Amino acid sequence: MTLGEKLKEARKSAGLSQELLAEKLNISRSAVAKWETDKGIPDVENLKAIAQLLNVSIDYLLDDGQELNKIVIREAIDLSQYEGRKKVRKDKIVCQRYPHADIYRLISKEKLTKSEKVIDNAIGFLTNAPFGIPDFINGVKNIGKEFYLVNQGDKQFLVMVTDEFIESREFIQKIEKKKFEIGNWKFINCGLIKDKD
């Protein structure tokens, strides 16, 4: 189960609607909806509050059988301070944030949910449309997100850079494989960023 699925199940078990949970956390209902559909992840303070409100542990919410993250840090960024194409500017931000680290660019792909797989198959069988429409939609939805694997000393981070923020997650266990999955994402390590300037 993903964090979103666990959150939804725990919320329903506690007898709370999305609106009520949002009210108790002093956030918007749309934030809860994003978390429950795995389109966003609560920050550390919200995770603590959710665990307390829903009477579950943080470990329960985060453990999906994959490597657990220690800390999630999100910082606002201003891409206009950097030159070059958007992807190059995002590379520069990561290199600036981790100047003495080995930084690997990742190709990412969001996994289809069960319902998206069913829709994809139905569209393919009922029409002449090619398979992969939900994949295409996910690709469009996630355009602008760049992912990096950062090795800094004995620590390893998964870093995501969007147009608005940089988000870093420290791993408990290092990832050594070229292809790996975390939560509802698949990643392929494309190699070290050579030029950190």
C-alpha atoms as a PDB file:
ATOM      1  CA  MET A   1       0.000   0.000   0.000  1.00  0.00           C
ATOM      2  CA  THR A   2       1.165   3.510  -0.774  1.00  0.00           C
ATOM      3  CA  LEU A   3       1.249   6.345   1.752  1.00  0.00           C
ATOM      4  CA  GLY A   4      -1.857   7.808   0.100  1.00  0.00           C
ATOM      5  CA  GLU A   5      -3.801   4.544   0.361  1.00  0.00           C
ATOM      6  CA  LYS A   6      -2.813   4.130   4.022  1.00  0.00           C
ATOM      7  CA  LEU A   7      -3.736   7.725   4.800  1.00  0.00           C
ATOM      8  CA  LYS A   8      -7.158   7.341   3.176  1.00  0.00           C
ATOM      9  CA  GLU A   9      -7.831   4.058   4.990  1.00  0.00           C
ATOM     10  CA  ALA A  10      -6.737   5.476   8.375  1.00  0.00           C
ATOM     11  CA  ARG A  11      -8.814   8.631   7.835  1.00  0.00           C
ATOM     12  CA  LYS A  12     -11.935   6.593   7.065  1.00  0.00           C
ATOM     13  CA  SER A  13     -11.284   4.304  10.061  1.00  0.00           C
ATOM     14  CA  ALA A  14     -11.138   7.413  12.248  1.00  0.00           C
ATOM     15  CA  GLY A  15     -14.489   8.504  10.803  1.00  0.00           C
ATOM     16  CA  LEU A  16     -13.145  11.711   9.288  1.00  0.00           C
ATOM     17  CA  SER A  17     -13.927  13.255   5.908  1.00  0.00           C
ATOM     18  CA  GLN A  18     -11.172  14.931   3.910  1.00  0.00           C
ATOM     19  CA  GLU A  19     -12.685  18.282   4.915  1.00  0.00           C
ATOM     20  CA  LEU A  20     -12.614  17.442   8.637  1.00  0.00           C
ATOM     21  CA  LEU A  21      -9.037  16.161   8.512  1.00  0.00           C
ATOM     22  CA  ALA A  22      -7.977  19.276   6.592  1.00  0.00           C
ATOM     23  CA  GLU A  23      -9.703  21.481   9.173  1.00  0.00           C
ATOM     24  CA  LYS A  24      -7.947  19.722  12.067  1.00  0.00           C
ATOM     25  CA  LEU A  25      -4.570  20.068  10.313  1.00  0.00           C
ATOM     26  CA  ASN A  26      -5.311  23.685   9.327  1.00  0.00           C
ATOM     27  CA  ILE A  27      -4.659  22.967   5.637  1.00  0.00           C
ATOM     28  CA  SER A  28      -6.799  22.848   2.479  1.00  0.00           C
ATOM     29  CA  ARG A  29      -8.960  19.857   1.561  1.00  0.00           C
ATOM     30  CA  SER A  30      -7.158  19.739  -1.793  1.00  0.00           C
ATOM     31  CA  ALA A  31      -3.866  19.088   0.043  1.00  0.00           C
ATOM     32  CA  VAL A  32      -5.410  16.025   1.711  1.00  0.00           C
ATOM     33  CA  ALA A  33      -6.794  14.890  -1.661  1.00  0.00           C
ATOM     34  CA  LYS A  34      -3.318  15.243  -3.228  1.00  0.00           C
ATOM     35  CA  TRP A  35      -1.739  13.169  -0.460  1.00  0.00           C
ATOM     36  CA  GLU A  36      -4.387  10.456  -0.724  1.00  0.00           C
ATOM     37  CA  THR A  37      -3.881  10.149  -4.485  1.00  0.00           C
ATOM     38  CA  ASP A  38      -0.072  10.087  -4.069  1.00  0.00           C
ATOM     39  CA  LYS A  39       0.315  13.359  -5.961  1.00  0.00           C
ATOM     40  CA  GLY A  40       2.022  14.963  -2.987  1.00  0.00           C
ATOM     41  CA  ILE A  41       3.562  14.032   0.346  1.00  0.00           C
ATOM     42  CA  PRO A  42       2.925  15.685   3.714  1.00  0.00           C
ATOM     43  CA  ASP A  43       5.896  17.418   5.319  1.00  0.00           C
ATOM     44  CA  VAL A  44       7.332  16.142   8.615  1.00  0.00           C
ATOM     45  CA  GLU A  45       5.131  18.336  10.847  1.00  0.00           C
ATOM     46  CA  ASN A  46       1.955  17.285   9.025  1.00  0.00           C
ATOM     47  CA  LEU A  47       3.019  13.619   9.162  1.00  0.00           C
ATOM     48  CA  LYS A  48       3.387  13.887  12.945  1.00  0.00           C
ATOM     49  CA  ALA A  49      -0.029  15.547  13.270  1.00  0.00           C
ATOM     50  CA  ILE A  50      -1.682  12.990  10.947  1.00  0.00           C
ATOM     51  CA  ALA A  51      -0.196  10.073  12.882  1.00  0.00           C
ATOM     52  CA  GLN A  52      -1.476  11.527  16.150  1.00  0.00           C
ATOM     53  CA  LEU A  53      -4.951  12.406  14.798  1.00  0.00           C
ATOM     54  CA  LEU A  54      -5.489   9.055  13.079  1.00  0.00           C
ATOM     55  CA  ASN A  55      -3.841   6.977  15.818  1.00  0.00           C
ATOM     56  CA  VAL A  56      -1.242   5.382  13.526  1.00  0.00           C
ATOM     57  CA  SER A  57       2.548   5.501  13.536  1.00  0.00           C
ATOM     58  CA  ILE A  58       4.611   7.539  11.116  1.00  0.00           C
ATOM     59  CA  ASP A  59       6.491   4.323  10.285  1.00  0.00           C
ATOM     60  CA  TYR A  60       3.194   2.683   9.278  1.00  0.00           C
ATOM     61  CA  LEU A  61       2.375   5.552   6.914  1.00  0.00           C
ATOM     62  CA  LEU A  62       5.821   5.626   5.308  1.00  0.00           C
ATOM     63  CA  ASP A  63       6.741   1.934   5.120  1.00  0.00           C
ATOM     64  CA  ASP A  64       5.629   0.569   1.749  1.00  0.00           C
ATOM     65  CA  GLY A  65       8.206  -2.197   1.683  1.00  0.00           C
ATOM     66  CA  GLN A  66      10.734   0.119   0.052  1.00  0.00           C
ATOM     67  CA  GLU A  67      13.659   1.971   1.597  1.00  0.00           C
ATOM     68  CA  LEU A  68      12.346   4.482   4.113  1.00  0.00           C
ATOM     69  CA  ASN A  69      13.256   8.127   3.993  1.00  0.00           C
ATOM     70  CA  LYS A  70      14.770   9.735   7.090  1.00  0.00           C
ATOM     71  CA  ILE A  71      14.032  13.383   6.416  1.00  0.00           C
ATOM     72  CA  VAL A  72      12.237  15.380   3.748  1.00  0.00           C
ATOM     73  CA  ILE A  73      13.437  18.937   3.211  1.00  0.00           C
ATOM     74  CA  ARG A  74      11.637  21.278   0.807  1.00  0.00           C
ATOM     75  CA  GLU A  75      13.058  24.679  -0.078  1.00  0.00           C
ATOM     76  CA  ALA A  76      11.656  27.352  -2.387  1.00  0.00           C
ATOM     77  CA  ILE A  77      13.799  28.205  -5.413  1.00  0.00           C
ATOM     78  CA  ASP A  78      13.964  30.977  -7.999  1.00  0.00           C
ATOM     79  CA  LEU A  79      14.917  29.586 -11.427  1.00  0.00           C
ATOM     80  CA  SER A  80      15.264  33.091 -12.863  1.00  0.00           C
ATOM     81  CA  GLN A  81      18.567  33.498 -10.982  1.00  0.00           C
ATOM     82  CA  TYR A  82      20.200  30.919 -13.280  1.00  0.00           C
ATOM     83  CA  GLU A  83      20.992  30.921 -16.989  1.00  0.00           C
ATOM     84  CA  GLY A  84      20.286  28.286 -19.628  1.00  0.00           C
ATOM     85  CA  ARG A  85      17.434  25.947 -20.441  1.00  0.00           C
ATOM     86  CA  LYS A  86      15.145  25.033 -17.571  1.00  0.00           C
ATOM     87  CA  LYS A  87      16.685  21.557 -17.177  1.00  0.00           C
ATOM     88  CA  VAL A  88      20.196  23.068 -17.061  1.00  0.00           C
ATOM     89  CA  ARG A  89      19.086  25.597 -14.441  1.00  0.00           C
ATOM     90  CA  LYS A  90      17.688  22.764 -12.299  1.00  0.00           C
ATOM     91  CA  ASP A  91      20.997  20.878 -12.638  1.00  0.00           C
ATOM     92  CA  LYS A  92      22.795  24.020 -11.413  1.00  0.00           C
ATOM     93  CA  ILE A  93      20.499  24.321  -8.387  1.00  0.00           C
ATOM     94  CA  VAL A  94      21.206  20.721  -7.330  1.00  0.00           C
ATOM     95  CA  CYS A  95      24.950  21.174  -7.893  1.00  0.00           C
ATOM     96  CA  GLN A  96      24.873  24.373  -5.830  1.00  0.00           C
ATOM     97  CA  ARG A  97      22.906  22.687  -3.031  1.00  0.00           C
ATOM     98  CA  TYR A  98      25.303  19.670  -2.990  1.00  0.00           C
ATOM     99  CA  PRO A  99      28.677  21.109  -4.155  1.00  0.00           C
ATOM    100  CA  HIS A 100      30.854  18.221  -2.910  1.00  0.00           C
ATOM    101  CA  ALA A 101      28.569  15.329  -3.845  1.00  0.00           C
ATOM    102  CA  ASP A 102      28.302  12.875  -6.713  1.00  0.00           C
ATOM    103  CA  ILE A 103      25.051  13.780  -8.476  1.00  0.00           C
ATOM    104  CA  TYR A 104      23.313  11.370 -10.832  1.00  0.00           C
ATOM    105  CA  ARG A 105      20.505  12.387 -13.175  1.00  0.00           C
ATOM    106  CA  LEU A 106      17.479  10.071 -13.061  1.00  0.00           C
ATOM    107  CA  ILE A 107      14.817   9.257 -15.610  1.00  0.00           C
ATOM    108  CA  SER A 108      11.510   8.920 -13.772  1.00  0.00           C
ATOM    109  CA  LYS A 109       8.182   7.363 -14.613  1.00  0.00           C
ATOM    110  CA  GLU A 110       5.116   7.320 -12.417  1.00  0.00           C
ATOM    111  CA  LYS A 111       3.622   3.826 -12.147  1.00  0.00           C
ATOM    112  CA  LEU A 112       0.051   3.360 -13.307  1.00  0.00           C
ATOM    113  CA  THR A 113      -2.556   2.650 -10.658  1.00  0.00           C
ATOM    114  CA  LYS A 114      -4.776  -0.407 -11.065  1.00  0.00           C
ATOM    115  CA  SER A 115      -7.648   1.725 -12.368  1.00  0.00           C
ATOM    116  CA  GLU A 116      -5.352   3.467 -14.886  1.00  0.00           C
ATOM    117  CA  LYS A 117      -4.207   0.054 -16.175  1.00  0.00           C
ATOM    118  CA  VAL A 118      -7.841  -1.029 -16.609  1.00  0.00           C
ATOM    119  CA  ILE A 119      -8.681   2.198 -18.456  1.00  0.00           C
ATOM    120  CA  ASP A 120      -5.610   1.789 -20.659  1.00  0.00           C
ATOM    121  CA  ASN A 121      -6.612  -1.766 -21.606  1.00  0.00           C
ATOM    122  CA  ALA A 122     -10.254  -0.805 -22.187  1.00  0.00           C
ATOM    123  CA  ILE A 123      -9.322   2.084 -24.470  1.00  0.00           C
ATOM    124  CA  GLY A 124      -6.991  -0.181 -26.423  1.00  0.00           C
ATOM    125  CA  PHE A 125      -9.594  -2.914 -26.881  1.00  0.00           C
ATOM    126  CA  LEU A 126     -12.597  -0.683 -27.593  1.00  0.00           C
ATOM    127  CA  THR A 127     -10.944   1.756 -29.988  1.00  0.00           C
ATOM    128  CA  ASN A 128      -8.017   1.927 -32.340  1.00  0.00           C
ATOM    129  CA  ALA A 129      -6.232   4.174 -29.835  1.00  0.00           C
ATOM    130  CA  PRO A 130      -2.767   2.993 -28.863  1.00  0.00           C
ATOM    131  CA  PHE A 131      -2.038   1.667 -25.400  1.00  0.00           C
ATOM    132  CA  GLY A 132      -0.241   4.083 -23.108  1.00  0.00           C
ATOM    133  CA  ILE A 133      -2.743   6.938 -22.838  1.00  0.00           C
ATOM    134  CA  PRO A 134      -2.595   7.040 -18.974  1.00  0.00           C
ATOM    135  CA  ASP A 135       1.226   6.892 -19.266  1.00  0.00           C
ATOM    136  CA  PHE A 136       1.080   9.890 -21.587  1.00  0.00           C
ATOM    137  CA  ILE A 137      -1.234  11.758 -19.174  1.00  0.00           C
ATOM    138  CA  ASN A 138       1.101  11.014 -16.228  1.00  0.00           C
ATOM    139  CA  GLY A 139       4.037  12.212 -18.346  1.00  0.00           C
ATOM    140  CA  VAL A 140       2.301  15.505 -19.097  1.00  0.00           C
ATOM    141  CA  LYS A 141       1.231  15.908 -15.458  1.00  0.00           C
ATOM    142  CA  ASN A 142       4.806  15.391 -14.231  1.00  0.00           C
ATOM    143  CA  ILE A 143       6.548  17.489 -16.871  1.00  0.00           C
ATOM    144  CA  GLY A 144       8.906  19.911 -15.175  1.00  0.00           C
ATOM    145  CA  LYS A 145       9.916  17.524 -12.390  1.00  0.00           C
ATOM    146  CA  GLU A 146      13.593  16.563 -12.504  1.00  0.00           C
ATOM    147  CA  PHE A 147      14.980  13.827 -10.245  1.00  0.00           C
ATOM    148  CA  TYR A 148      18.528  13.240  -9.016  1.00  0.00           C
ATOM    149  CA  LEU A 149      20.305  10.672  -6.857  1.00  0.00           C
ATOM    150  CA  VAL A 150      22.895  12.423  -4.680  1.00  0.00           C
ATOM    151  CA  ASN A 151      25.732  10.662  -2.849  1.00  0.00           C
ATOM    152  CA  GLN A 152      27.322  12.913  -0.254  1.00  0.00           C
ATOM    153  CA  GLY A 153      29.773  11.078   1.979  1.00  0.00           C
ATOM    154  CA  ASP A 154      27.916   8.262   3.702  1.00  0.00           C
ATOM    155  CA  LYS A 155      24.522   9.845   2.970  1.00  0.00           C
ATOM    156  CA  GLN A 156      22.310   9.413  -0.074  1.00  0.00           C
ATOM    157  CA  PHE A 157      19.412  11.624  -1.157  1.00  0.00           C
ATOM    158  CA  LEU A 158      16.627  11.489  -3.724  1.00  0.00           C
ATOM    159  CA  VAL A 159      16.238  15.065  -4.942  1.00  0.00           C
ATOM    160  CA  MET A 160      13.306  16.409  -6.932  1.00  0.00           C
ATOM    161  CA  VAL A 161      13.401  19.865  -8.501  1.00  0.00           C
ATOM    162  CA  THR A 162      10.266  21.550  -9.833  1.00  0.00           C
ATOM    163  CA  ASP A 163       9.823  25.104 -11.098  1.00  0.00           C
ATOM    164  CA  GLU A 164       9.015  26.249  -7.533  1.00  0.00           C
ATOM    165  CA  PHE A 165      11.043  24.113  -5.097  1.00  0.00           C
ATOM    166  CA  ILE A 166      13.818  21.605  -4.451  1.00  0.00           C
ATOM    167  CA  GLU A 167      12.868  18.626  -2.279  1.00  0.00           C
ATOM    168  CA  SER A 168      15.481  16.285  -0.774  1.00  0.00           C
ATOM    169  CA  ARG A 169      14.822  12.939   0.901  1.00  0.00           C
ATOM    170  CA  GLU A 170      17.586  11.187   2.798  1.00  0.00           C
ATOM    171  CA  PHE A 171      17.584   7.396   2.530  1.00  0.00           C
ATOM    172  CA  ILE A 172      18.194   5.019   5.395  1.00  0.00           C
ATOM    173  CA  GLN A 173      19.600   2.385   3.014  1.00  0.00           C
ATOM    174  CA  LYS A 174      21.706   3.305  -0.006  1.00  0.00           C
ATOM    175  CA  ILE A 175      20.434   2.449  -3.465  1.00  0.00           C
ATOM    176  CA  GLU A 176      23.069   0.790  -5.621  1.00  0.00           C
ATOM    177  CA  LYS A 177      20.974  -0.474  -8.567  1.00  0.00           C
ATOM    178  CA  LYS A 178      20.718   1.321 -11.919  1.00  0.00           C
ATOM    179  CA  LYS A 179      16.922   0.716 -11.958  1.00  0.00           C
ATOM    180  CA  PHE A 180      14.885   1.055  -8.769  1.00  0.00           C
ATOM    181  CA  GLU A 181      11.415   1.872  -7.488  1.00  0.00           C
ATOM    182  CA  ILE A 182      10.326   4.096  -4.629  1.00  0.00           C
ATOM    183  CA  GLY A 183       6.651   4.397  -3.757  1.00  0.00           C
ATOM    184  CA  ASN A 184       4.721   4.857  -7.008  1.00  0.00           C
ATOM    185  CA  TRP A 185       7.786   5.916  -9.037  1.00  0.00           C
ATOM    186  CA  LYS A 186      10.227   3.961 -11.232  1.00  0.00           C
ATOM    187  CA  PHE A 187      13.719   5.393 -11.752  1.00  0.00           C
ATOM    188  CA  ILE A 188      16.673   4.723 -14.042  1.00  0.00           C
ATOM    189  CA  ASN A 189      20.081   6.130 -13.145  1.00  0.00           C
ATOM    190  CA  CYS A 190      21.425   7.938 -16.261  1.00  0.00           C
ATOM    191  CA  GLY A 191      24.883   8.584 -14.871  1.00  0.00           C
ATOM    192  CA  LEU A 192      26.948  11.207 -13.157  1.00  0.00           C
ATOM    193  CA  ILE A 193      26.527  14.871 -14.021  1.00  0.00           C
ATOM    194  CA  LYS A 194      30.020  15.649 -15.306  1.00  0.00           C
ATOM    195  CA  ASP A 195      30.080  19.433 -15.324  1.00  0.00           C
ATOM    196  CA  LYS A 196      29.056  20.854 -11.945  1.00  0.00           C
ATOM    197  CA  ASP A 197      29.801  24.473 -12.910  1.00  0.00           C
END
